[in-house]
Amino acid sequence: MLIFSFVQREVHDMPIAAFWLMALLSFPSGLFIIAFAGYASSEMFHLLGIRYEPFAAFLPMWFAGVAVGYWQWFVAIPWVARRVAVKRSSRLRGGNAVIHERQR
């Protein structure tokens, strides 16, 4: 996404297309986070008097989308899946299953 945005930075609709693609990749949690990051960064650019640049406006949305998408797909969902699997095996064994957590 970052390379796509950089290559297409002169196209006037690039921020819109990049926003929706990032929102799709990090759906459902990323949709509101990316929108908020875009709004907050545009307000900061306006308050600081920084000239609008489509690629620079996309960077905060990209960072937010990558962070939220990574957390959602590689941390939260595997954690929920492990919990559901443990509870299911506990229920099948009569409630005597021991919960084994990964040690970090």
Protein backbone atom coordinates (compact mmCIF):
# COMPACT_ATOMS: atom_id res chain seq x y z
CA MET A 1 0.00 0.00 0.00
CA LEU A 2 2.79 2.38 0.83
CA ILE A 3 4.53 1.78 -2.50
CA PHE A 4 1.22 2.11 -4.36
CA SER A 5 0.57 5.44 -2.65
CA PHE A 6 4.06 6.73 -3.39
CA VAL A 7 3.95 5.75 -7.06
CA GLN A 8 0.44 7.16 -7.52
CA ARG A 9 1.04 10.32 -5.43
CA GLU A 10 0.30 12.65 -8.37
CA VAL A 11 -3.15 11.15 -9.01
CA HIS A 12 -5.77 13.36 -7.36
CA ASP A 13 -7.91 10.40 -6.12
CA MET A 14 -5.01 8.45 -4.61
CA PRO A 15 -5.84 9.30 -0.95
CA ILE A 16 -9.43 8.13 -1.39
CA ALA A 17 -8.47 4.85 -3.04
CA ALA A 18 -5.67 4.23 -0.54
CA PHE A 19 -8.00 4.96 2.40
CA TRP A 20 -10.58 2.42 1.24
CA LEU A 21 -7.96 -0.21 0.44
CA MET A 22 -6.37 0.18 3.88
CA ALA A 23 -9.81 0.11 5.51
CA LEU A 24 -10.58 -3.12 3.66
CA LEU A 25 -7.28 -4.74 4.70
CA SER A 26 -7.78 -3.88 8.36
CA PHE A 27 -11.58 -4.29 8.51
CA PRO A 28 -13.48 -4.11 10.86
CA SER A 29 -11.41 -2.37 13.52
CA GLY A 30 -9.29 -0.35 11.11
CA LEU A 31 -12.14 1.52 9.45
CA PHE A 32 -12.75 4.00 12.25
CA ILE A 33 -9.11 4.18 13.38
CA ILE A 34 -7.91 5.02 9.86
CA ALA A 35 -10.65 7.62 9.41
CA PHE A 36 -9.74 9.22 12.74
CA ALA A 37 -6.03 9.23 11.88
CA GLY A 38 -6.78 10.88 8.54
CA TYR A 39 -8.97 13.52 10.14
CA ALA A 40 -6.49 14.21 12.94
CA SER A 41 -3.55 14.49 10.57
CA SER A 42 -5.42 16.83 8.22
CA GLU A 43 -6.31 19.07 11.17
CA MET A 44 -2.69 19.05 12.36
CA PHE A 45 -1.45 19.94 8.88
CA HIS A 46 -3.96 22.79 8.75
CA LEU A 47 -3.06 24.11 12.21
CA LEU A 48 0.66 23.93 11.51
CA GLY A 49 0.29 25.55 8.11
CA ILE A 50 1.74 22.61 6.21
CA ARG A 51 0.85 22.49 2.53
CA TYR A 52 -1.39 19.56 1.49
CA GLU A 53 0.54 16.71 -0.06
CA PRO A 54 -1.46 13.53 -0.85
CA PHE A 55 1.31 11.12 0.10
CA ALA A 56 2.09 12.92 3.36
CA ALA A 57 -1.62 12.95 4.19
CA PHE A 58 -1.76 9.19 3.61
CA LEU A 59 1.19 8.31 5.89
CA PRO A 60 -0.67 8.66 9.23
CA MET A 61 -3.55 6.59 7.84
CA TRP A 62 -1.08 3.95 6.65
CA PHE A 63 0.66 3.77 10.04
CA ALA A 64 -2.68 3.47 11.84
CA GLY A 65 -3.95 0.84 9.42
CA VAL A 66 -0.83 -1.29 9.67
CA ALA A 67 -0.75 -1.10 13.47
CA VAL A 68 -4.44 -1.87 13.94
CA GLY A 69 -4.51 -4.52 11.23
CA TYR A 70 -1.47 -6.29 12.65
CA TRP A 71 -2.91 -6.23 16.16
CA GLN A 72 -6.31 -7.43 14.98
CA TRP A 73 -5.22 -10.26 12.68
CA PHE A 74 -2.02 -11.47 14.39
CA VAL A 75 -2.64 -10.81 18.09
CA ALA A 76 -6.34 -10.48 18.97
CA ILE A 77 -7.88 -13.10 16.69
CA PRO A 78 -5.31 -15.83 17.51
CA TRP A 79 -5.78 -15.08 21.21
CA VAL A 80 -9.57 -15.42 20.89
CA ALA A 81 -9.16 -18.61 18.85
CA ARG A 82 -6.92 -20.14 21.54
CA ARG A 83 -9.41 -19.23 24.26
CA VAL A 84 -12.31 -20.74 22.34
CA ALA A 85 -10.32 -23.92 21.65
CA VAL A 86 -9.39 -24.29 25.33
CA LYS A 87 -12.96 -23.74 26.49
CA ARG A 88 -14.25 -26.21 23.88
CA SER A 89 -11.75 -28.88 24.92
CA SER A 90 -12.52 -28.20 28.57
CA ARG A 91 -16.21 -28.68 27.93
CA LEU A 92 -15.58 -31.92 26.01
CA ARG A 93 -13.34 -33.33 28.77
CA GLY A 94 -15.72 -32.47 31.57
CA GLY A 95 -14.12 -29.24 32.72
CA ASN A 96 -10.75 -30.65 33.83
CA ALA A 97 -8.59 -29.12 31.08
CA VAL A 98 -5.68 -26.95 32.16
CA ILE A 99 -5.18 -23.67 30.32
CA HIS A 100 -1.65 -23.47 28.92
CA GLU A 101 -0.57 -19.95 27.98
CA ARG A 102 2.33 -19.18 25.74
CA GLN A 103 5.31 -17.83 27.65
CA ARG A 104 6.99 -14.80 26.18
